[in-house]
C-alpha atoms as a PDB file:
ATOM      1  CA  MET A   1      -5.972-187.913-214.921  1.00  0.00           C
ATOM      2  CA  ASN A   2      -2.233-187.865-215.237  1.00  0.00           C
ATOM      3  CA  ALA A   3      -0.232-191.010-214.536  1.00  0.00           C
ATOM      4  CA  VAL A   4       3.536-191.238-214.554  1.00  0.00           C
ATOM      5  CA  VAL A   5       5.306-194.600-214.308  1.00  0.00           C
ATOM      6  CA  ASN A   6       8.304-194.525-211.964  1.00  0.00           C
ATOM      7  CA  ASP A   7      11.045-197.064-211.373  1.00  0.00           C
ATOM      8  CA  LYS A   8      11.687-195.492-207.952  1.00  0.00           C
ATOM      9  CA  LYS A   9      10.203-192.927-205.666  1.00  0.00           C
ATOM     10  CA  SER A  10      11.109-189.318-206.434  1.00  0.00           C
ATOM     11  CA  ASP A  11      12.370-187.038-203.667  1.00  0.00           C
ATOM     12  CA  HIS A  12      10.475-184.200-205.336  1.00  0.00           C
ATOM     13  CA  ASP A  13       6.994-185.722-205.272  1.00  0.00           C
ATOM     14  CA  ASP A  14       4.468-183.261-203.894  1.00  0.00           C
ATOM     15  CA  GLU A  15       2.126-184.382-201.135  1.00  0.00           C
ATOM     16  CA  ARG A  16      -0.724-185.135-203.474  1.00  0.00           C
ATOM     17  CA  GLY A  17       1.413-187.148-205.865  1.00  0.00           C
ATOM     18  CA  ALA A  18       2.922-189.162-203.018  1.00  0.00           C
ATOM     19  CA  ARG A  19      -0.550-190.017-201.698  1.00  0.00           C
ATOM     20  CA  GLY A  20      -1.568-191.111-205.189  1.00  0.00           C
ATOM     21  CA  ARG A  21       1.326-193.496-205.679  1.00  0.00           C
ATOM     22  CA  ILE A  22       0.352-197.053-206.608  1.00  0.00           C
ATOM     23  CA  VAL A  23       2.227-200.308-207.149  1.00  0.00           C
ATOM     24  CA  LEU A  24       1.304-202.223-210.316  1.00  0.00           C
ATOM     25  CA  LEU A  25       1.984-205.965-210.537  1.00  0.00           C
ATOM     26  CA  ASP A  26       1.518-208.610-213.213  1.00  0.00           C
ATOM     27  CA  GLU A  27       0.840-212.319-212.762  1.00  0.00           C
ATOM     28  CA  ASN A  28       4.589-212.973-212.395  1.00  0.00           C
ATOM     29  CA  PHE A  29       4.804-210.413-209.558  1.00  0.00           C
ATOM     30  CA  GLN A  30       6.907-208.037-211.640  1.00  0.00           C
ATOM     31  CA  SER A  31       6.179-204.627-210.148  1.00  0.00           C
ATOM     32  CA  ARG A  32       6.543-200.963-210.979  1.00  0.00           C
ATOM     33  CA  GLU A  33       5.287-197.755-209.446  1.00  0.00           C
ATOM     34  CA  ALA A  34       3.006-195.099-210.912  1.00  0.00           C
ATOM     35  CA  THR A  35       1.784-191.780-209.580  1.00  0.00           C
ATOM     36  CA  ILE A  36      -1.817-190.747-210.203  1.00  0.00           C
ATOM     37  CA  ASP A  37      -2.804-187.157-209.459  1.00  0.00           C
ATOM     38  CA  ASP A  38      -5.996-188.146-207.668  1.00  0.00           C
ATOM     39  CA  ILE A  39      -6.514-189.551-204.204  1.00  0.00           C
ATOM     40  CA  LYS A  40      -9.611-191.439-205.381  1.00  0.00           C
ATOM     41  CA  VAL A  41      -9.095-193.342-208.620  1.00  0.00           C
ATOM     42  CA  THR A  42     -11.147-195.667-210.800  1.00  0.00           C
ATOM     43  CA  GLY A  43     -10.288-199.098-212.090  1.00  0.00           C
ATOM     44  CA  ARG A  44     -10.020-197.521-215.530  1.00  0.00           C
ATOM     45  CA  GLN A  45      -7.381-195.045-214.320  1.00  0.00           C
ATOM     46  CA  ILE A  46      -5.373-197.865-212.769  1.00  0.00           C
ATOM     47  CA  ALA A  47      -5.502-199.880-216.010  1.00  0.00           C
ATOM     48  CA  GLU A  48      -4.374-196.814-217.968  1.00  0.00           C
ATOM     49  CA  ALA A  49      -1.507-196.267-215.529  1.00  0.00           C
ATOM     50  CA  ALA A  50      -0.442-199.845-216.283  1.00  0.00           C
ATOM     51  CA  GLY A  51      -0.327-199.009-220.003  1.00  0.00           C
ATOM     52  CA  TYR A  52      -3.686-200.338-221.202  1.00  0.00           C
ATOM     53  CA  ASN A  53      -5.830-198.065-223.362  1.00  0.00           C
ATOM     54  CA  SER A  54      -8.957-200.175-222.974  1.00  0.00           C
ATOM     55  CA  THR A  55     -10.364-201.870-219.903  1.00  0.00           C
ATOM     56  CA  ASP A  56     -12.161-204.364-222.147  1.00  0.00           C
ATOM     57  CA  GLU A  57      -9.064-206.538-222.224  1.00  0.00           C
ATOM     58  CA  VAL A  58      -7.852-206.304-218.631  1.00  0.00           C
ATOM     59  CA  ILE A  59      -8.960-206.932-215.067  1.00  0.00           C
ATOM     60  CA  VAL A  60      -7.751-204.885-212.107  1.00  0.00           C
ATOM     61  CA  LEU A  61      -7.381-206.623-208.738  1.00  0.00           C
ATOM     62  CA  GLN A  62      -6.720-204.653-205.569  1.00  0.00           C
ATOM     63  CA  GLN A  63      -4.707-206.271-202.805  1.00  0.00           C
ATOM     64  CA  LEU A  64      -6.366-205.160-199.599  1.00  0.00           C
ATOM     65  CA  ALA A  65      -4.535-204.388-196.370  1.00  0.00           C
ATOM     66  CA  SER A  66      -5.618-207.839-195.131  1.00  0.00           C
ATOM     67  CA  GLY A  67      -3.846-209.451-198.098  1.00  0.00           C
ATOM     68  CA  ALA A  68      -7.030-210.530-199.898  1.00  0.00           C
ATOM     69  CA  LEU A  69      -7.528-209.760-203.604  1.00  0.00           C
ATOM     70  CA  GLU A  70     -10.731-208.366-205.083  1.00  0.00           C
ATOM     71  CA  GLU A  71     -11.715-207.108-208.523  1.00  0.00           C
ATOM     72  CA  ILE A  72     -12.137-203.369-209.133  1.00  0.00           C
ATOM     73  CA  ARG A  73     -14.660-202.504-211.856  1.00  0.00           C
ATOM     74  CA  PRO A  74     -13.660-199.891-214.487  1.00  0.00           C
ATOM     75  CA  GLU A  75     -15.830-197.130-212.974  1.00  0.00           C
ATOM     76  CA  GLU A  76     -15.437-198.195-209.341  1.00  0.00           C
ATOM     77  CA  LEU A  77     -13.669-195.670-207.106  1.00  0.00           C
ATOM     78  CA  VAL A  78     -10.758-196.675-204.878  1.00  0.00           C
ATOM     79  CA  ASN A  79      -9.524-194.471-202.047  1.00  0.00           C
ATOM     80  CA  LEU A  80      -5.720-194.520-201.978  1.00  0.00           C
ATOM     81  CA  ALA A  81      -5.450-192.652-198.672  1.00  0.00           C
ATOM     82  CA  PRO A  82      -5.579-195.650-196.274  1.00  0.00           C
ATOM     83  CA  ALA A  83      -2.290-197.458-195.712  1.00  0.00           C
ATOM     84  CA  GLY A  84      -2.054-200.701-197.654  1.00  0.00           C
ATOM     85  CA  ALA A  85      -4.474-199.641-200.398  1.00  0.00           C
ATOM     86  CA  GLU A  86      -1.903-199.081-203.114  1.00  0.00           C
ATOM     87  CA  ARG A  87      -1.149-202.557-204.582  1.00  0.00           C
ATOM     88  CA  PHE A  88      -2.920-203.622-207.775  1.00  0.00           C
ATOM     89  CA  PHE A  89      -2.559-206.594-210.097  1.00  0.00           C
ATOM     90  CA  VAL A  90      -3.429-205.642-213.683  1.00  0.00           C
ATOM     91  CA  MET A  91      -3.794-208.662-215.964  1.00  0.00           C
ATOM     92  CA  VAL A  92      -5.210-209.419-219.390  1.00  0.00           C
ATOM     93  CA  GLY A  93      -8.383-211.484-219.020  1.00  0.00           C
ATOM     94  CA  ASP A  94     -12.173-211.480-219.068  1.00  0.00           C
ATOM     95  CA  ALA A  95     -13.103-213.487-215.957  1.00  0.00           C
ATOM     96  CA  THR A  96     -11.991-214.105-212.390  1.00  0.00           C
ATOM     97  CA  TYR A  97     -11.838-217.297-210.336  1.00  0.00           C
ATOM     98  CA  ARG A  98     -12.207-217.423-206.574  1.00  0.00           C
ATOM     99  CA  PHE A  99     -10.358-219.363-203.908  1.00  0.00           C
ATOM    100  CA  ILE A 100      -9.634-219.073-200.196  1.00  0.00           C
ATOM    101  CA  LEU A 101      -6.069-218.979-198.890  1.00  0.00           C
ATOM    102  CA  ASP A 102      -5.189-218.769-195.197  1.00  0.00           C
ATOM    103  CA  GLY A 103      -8.789-217.769-194.518  1.00  0.00           C
ATOM    104  CA  LEU A 104      -8.702-214.841-196.976  1.00  0.00           C
ATOM    105  CA  LYS A 105     -10.815-214.533-200.126  1.00  0.00           C
ATOM    106  CA  PHE A 106      -8.930-214.135-203.393  1.00  0.00           C
ATOM    107  CA  GLU A 107      -9.948-213.486-206.974  1.00  0.00           C
ATOM    108  CA  TRP A 108      -7.511-214.469-209.729  1.00  0.00           C
ATOM    109  CA  VAL A 109      -7.593-213.865-213.475  1.00  0.00           C
ATOM    110  CA  ARG A 110      -6.229-217.257-214.510  1.00  0.00           C
ATOM    111  CA  PRO A 111      -8.298-220.481-214.445  1.00  0.00           C
ATOM    112  CA  SER A 112      -5.460-222.251-212.643  1.00  0.00           C
ATOM    113  CA  VAL A 113      -2.838-221.360-210.064  1.00  0.00           C
ATOM    114  CA  THR A 114       0.457-222.861-208.884  1.00  0.00           C
ATOM    115  CA  ALA A 115       1.537-223.475-205.312  1.00  0.00           C
ATOM    116  CA  ASP A 116       4.397-221.027-205.799  1.00  0.00           C
ATOM    117  CA  THR A 117       1.942-218.282-206.819  1.00  0.00           C
ATOM    118  CA  LEU A 118      -0.253-219.017-203.802  1.00  0.00           C
ATOM    119  CA  ARG A 119       2.701-218.721-201.456  1.00  0.00           C
ATOM    120  CA  ARG A 120       3.782-215.426-202.996  1.00  0.00           C
ATOM    121  CA  LEU A 121       0.272-213.984-202.765  1.00  0.00           C
ATOM    122  CA  VAL A 122       0.442-214.193-198.974  1.00  0.00           C
ATOM    123  CA  GLY A 123       4.090-213.151-198.774  1.00  0.00           C
ATOM    124  CA  LYS A 124       5.450-216.495-197.572  1.00  0.00           C
ATOM    125  CA  ASP A 125       8.895-217.823-198.482  1.00  0.00           C
ATOM    126  CA  ASP A 126      10.140-221.301-199.388  1.00  0.00           C
ATOM    127  CA  SER A 127      10.140-222.387-195.746  1.00  0.00           C
ATOM    128  CA  PHE A 128       6.336-222.636-195.963  1.00  0.00           C
ATOM    129  CA  ASP A 129       4.375-225.434-197.598  1.00  0.00           C
ATOM    130  CA  VAL A 130       1.084-224.867-199.405  1.00  0.00           C
ATOM    131  CA  VAL A 131      -1.643-227.355-198.500  1.00  0.00           C
ATOM    132  CA  GLN A 132      -4.786-227.967-200.551  1.00  0.00           C
ATOM    133  CA  GLU A 133      -7.712-228.625-198.226  1.00  0.00           C
ATOM    134  CA  LEU A 134      -9.870-231.454-199.563  1.00  0.00           C
ATOM    135  CA  GLU A 135     -13.302-232.594-198.393  1.00  0.00           C
ATOM    136  CA  SER A 136     -13.318-236.204-199.565  1.00  0.00           C
ATOM    137  CA  ALA A 137      -9.611-236.995-199.229  1.00  0.00           C
ATOM    138  CA  PRO A 138      -6.691-236.148-196.949  1.00  0.00           C
ATOM    139  CA  ASP A 139      -5.273-232.650-197.367  1.00  0.00           C
ATOM    140  CA  ARG A 140      -2.507-232.540-199.969  1.00  0.00           C
ATOM    141  CA  THR A 141       0.829-230.741-199.653  1.00  0.00           C
ATOM    142  CA  LEU A 142       1.623-229.183-203.015  1.00  0.00           C
ATOM    143  CA  ASP A 143       4.898-228.962-204.873  1.00  0.00           C
ATOM    144  CA  ASP A 144       5.783-225.495-206.164  1.00  0.00           C
ATOM    145  CA  ASP A 145       4.970-226.376-209.772  1.00  0.00           C
ATOM    146  CA  ASP A 146       1.717-228.213-209.045  1.00  0.00           C
ATOM    147  CA  VAL A 147      -1.096-226.581-211.034  1.00  0.00           C
ATOM    148  CA  ILE A 148      -4.545-226.393-209.437  1.00  0.00           C
ATOM    149  CA  ASP A 149      -7.647-225.988-211.605  1.00  0.00           C
ATOM    150  CA  LEU A 150      -9.936-223.251-210.273  1.00  0.00           C
ATOM    151  CA  THR A 151     -12.801-223.865-212.698  1.00  0.00           C
ATOM    152  CA  GLY A 152     -14.388-226.839-210.954  1.00  0.00           C
ATOM    153  CA  GLY A 153     -17.470-226.761-208.770  1.00  0.00           C
ATOM    154  CA  GLY A 154     -17.073-225.134-205.380  1.00  0.00           C
ATOM    155  CA  THR A 155     -14.321-222.903-204.062  1.00  0.00           C
ATOM    156  CA  GLU A 156     -10.810-224.293-203.666  1.00  0.00           C
ATOM    157  CA  ARG A 157      -9.313-223.825-200.214  1.00  0.00           C
ATOM    158  CA  PHE A 158      -5.627-223.631-199.345  1.00  0.00           C
ATOM    159  CA  LYS A 159      -3.496-222.907-196.313  1.00  0.00           C
ATOM    160  CA  THR A 160       0.190-222.365-195.677  1.00  0.00           C
ATOM    161  CA  LYS A 161       2.207-223.928-192.894  1.00  0.00           C
ATOM    162  CA  HIS A 162       5.829-224.170-191.862  1.00  0.00           C
ATOM    163  CA  GLY A 163       7.301-226.996-193.886  1.00  0.00           C
ATOM    164  CA  ALA A 164      10.108-229.443-193.315  1.00  0.00           C
ATOM    165  CA  LYS A 165      13.510-227.870-193.811  1.00  0.00           C
ATOM    166  CA  LEU A 166      14.923-230.972-195.497  1.00  0.00           C
ATOM    167  CA  VAL A 167      13.901-233.043-198.501  1.00  0.00           C
ATOM    168  CA  THR A 168      14.783-236.701-198.999  1.00  0.00           C
ATOM    169  CA  VAL A 169      16.248-237.680-202.373  1.00  0.00           C
ATOM    170  CA  TYR A 170      18.114-240.747-203.596  1.00  0.00           C
ATOM    171  CA  TYR A 171      21.361-241.153-205.483  1.00  0.00           C
ATOM    172  CA  GLY A 172      21.474-244.733-206.593  1.00  0.00           C
ATOM    173  CA  GLU A 173      20.229-246.607-203.543  1.00  0.00           C
ATOM    174  CA  VAL A 174      21.623-244.096-201.051  1.00  0.00           C
ATOM    175  CA  GLU A 175      19.262-241.727-199.236  1.00  0.00           C
ATOM    176  CA  HIS A 176      20.302-238.080-198.951  1.00  0.00           C
ATOM    177  CA  LYS A 177      18.593-235.448-196.805  1.00  0.00           C
ATOM    178  CA  LEU A 178      19.288-231.983-198.198  1.00  0.00           C
ATOM    179  CA  PRO A 179      18.011-228.484-197.362  1.00  0.00           C
ATOM    180  CA  LYS A 180      14.988-227.462-199.432  1.00  0.00           C
ATOM    181  CA  GLY A 181      15.776-225.229-202.366  1.00  0.00           C
ATOM    182  CA  VAL A 182      17.077-224.939-205.896  1.00  0.00           C
ATOM    183  CA  TYR A 183      20.358-226.673-206.758  1.00  0.00           C
ATOM    184  CA  ALA A 184      22.665-226.307-209.731  1.00  0.00           C
ATOM    185  CA  THR A 185      23.955-229.468-211.408  1.00  0.00           C
ATOM    186  CA  GLU A 186      27.415-228.794-210.010  1.00  0.00           C
ATOM    187  CA  GLN A 187      26.072-228.602-206.450  1.00  0.00           C
ATOM    188  CA  LEU A 188      24.318-231.942-206.810  1.00  0.00           C
ATOM    189  CA  ARG A 189      27.402-233.560-208.328  1.00  0.00           C
ATOM    190  CA  ASN A 190      29.356-232.378-205.298  1.00  0.00           C
ATOM    191  CA  GLU A 191      26.693-233.551-202.808  1.00  0.00           C
ATOM    192  CA  PHE A 192      26.510-237.000-204.425  1.00  0.00           C
ATOM    193  CA  LYS A 193      30.263-237.209-205.081  1.00  0.00           C
ATOM    194  CA  VAL A 194      29.672-238.096-208.722  1.00  0.00           C
ATOM    195  CA  GLU A 195      32.749-239.524-210.434  1.00  0.00           C
ATOM    196  CA  GLU A 196      34.541-237.061-212.704  1.00  0.00           C
ATOM    197  CA  GLY A 197      33.451-237.441-216.319  1.00  0.00           C
ATOM    198  CA  TYR A 198      30.247-239.293-215.462  1.00  0.00           C
ATOM    199  CA  VAL A 199      26.789-237.999-216.383  1.00  0.00           C
ATOM    200  CA  LEU A 200      24.325-237.134-213.585  1.00  0.00           C
ATOM    201  CA  ALA A 201      20.678-237.735-214.442  1.00  0.00           C
ATOM    202  CA  LEU A 202      17.270-237.465-212.800  1.00  0.00           C
ATOM    203  CA  ILE A 203      15.153-240.605-213.078  1.00  0.00           C
ATOM    204  CA  ALA A 204      11.789-239.536-214.527  1.00  0.00           C
ATOM    205  CA  ALA A 205       8.423-241.036-213.567  1.00  0.00           C
ATOM    206  CA  ASP A 206       8.500-243.284-216.647  1.00  0.00           C
ATOM    207  CA  GLY A 207      11.949-244.609-215.729  1.00  0.00           C
ATOM    208  CA  SER A 208      13.841-242.629-218.349  1.00  0.00           C
ATOM    209  CA  PHE A 209      16.975-240.661-217.517  1.00  0.00           C
ATOM    210  CA  ASP A 210      16.895-236.854-217.798  1.00  0.00           C
ATOM    211  CA  GLU A 211      20.506-235.745-218.061  1.00  0.00           C
ATOM    212  CA  LEU A 212      21.355-232.685-215.965  1.00  0.00           C
ATOM    213  CA  LYS A 213      23.297-230.177-218.047  1.00  0.00           C
ATOM    214  CA  PRO A 214      26.094-227.978-216.644  1.00  0.00           C
ATOM    215  CA  GLY A 215      24.597-224.938-214.947  1.00  0.00           C
ATOM    216  CA  GLN A 216      21.072-226.392-215.000  1.00  0.00           C
ATOM    217  CA  LYS A 217      19.017-225.631-211.890  1.00  0.00           C
ATOM    218  CA  LEU A 218      16.534-227.953-210.250  1.00  0.00           C
ATOM    219  CA  ARG A 219      14.210-227.523-207.267  1.00  0.00           C
ATOM    220  CA  LEU A 220      14.501-230.639-205.130  1.00  0.00           C
ATOM    221  CA  LYS A 221      11.359-232.550-204.185  1.00  0.00           C
ATOM    222  CA  ASN A 222      10.887-235.440-201.796  1.00  0.00           C
ATOM    223  CA  GLY A 223      11.443-238.794-203.441  1.00  0.00           C
ATOM    224  CA  MET A 224      13.512-237.614-206.404  1.00  0.00           C
ATOM    225  CA  LYS A 225      15.920-240.263-207.673  1.00  0.00           C
ATOM    226  CA  PHE A 226      19.250-239.656-209.364  1.00  0.00           C
ATOM    227  CA  VAL A 227      21.768-241.873-211.109  1.00  0.00           C
ATOM    228  CA  SER A 228      25.144-241.396-212.751  1.00  0.00           C
ATOM    229  CA  TYR A 229      26.692-243.261-215.643  1.00  0.00           C
ATOM    230  CA  ALA A 230      29.615-243.113-218.024  1.00  0.00           C
ATOM    231  CA  PRO A 231      28.981-241.180-221.255  1.00  0.00           C
ATOM    232  CA  CYS A 232      28.834-244.490-223.120  1.00  0.00           C
ATOM    233  CA  GLY A 233      25.765-245.401-221.060  1.00  0.00           C
ATOM    234  CA  GLN A 234      27.286-247.718-218.466  1.00  0.00           C
ATOM    235  CA  SER A 235      25.538-247.196-215.091  1.00  0.00           C
ATOM    236  CA  SER A 236      27.631-246.414-212.027  1.00  0.00           C
END
């Protein structure tokens, strides 16, 4: 087996090499391409193409044409000929954890998963919300950084849906409805019309003030509260 890692497709790939091209991803969705000179490859070959000398330390997950993820054993053969068979997550780990997302079965190498990861696994952007389906409580809409434990009893179920385009936050006692997304400190200062020279801070759950530094970026969530005050500590 010969595997060559490529940053981009080569115009000189022969037919066999082109058919054996795979996309390798890590848990952060960083991707690169590799060409394997076989149309049917094993999990071991895929791990080696990703730079691992031993399959004892890694797990290979194939993303099927449907979008689902399933584990490929070291000696299991994968046919790369069908369209959509070329994406593989290669991650260090020794176990997988199952969940269902948008009706598809997924295996994941980490014992927990964030809402942002779930959304990216099904190719959805920030305009979609991720909802955790619960049996004994109302379904819960997740924030991007919410972490869901996959090690409990039963199989966690999630779905995506078009979310609200605006979030509601508060500056002092004033309600502001802003487009969902990530904002720099300077953008928020402009939106809230913070007085020049004053400090802008996020009010934490415990009531403390988390000062927003210049250039700092923050993803807005419903219910966030902000306050400004003079550097000496006097509230606006």
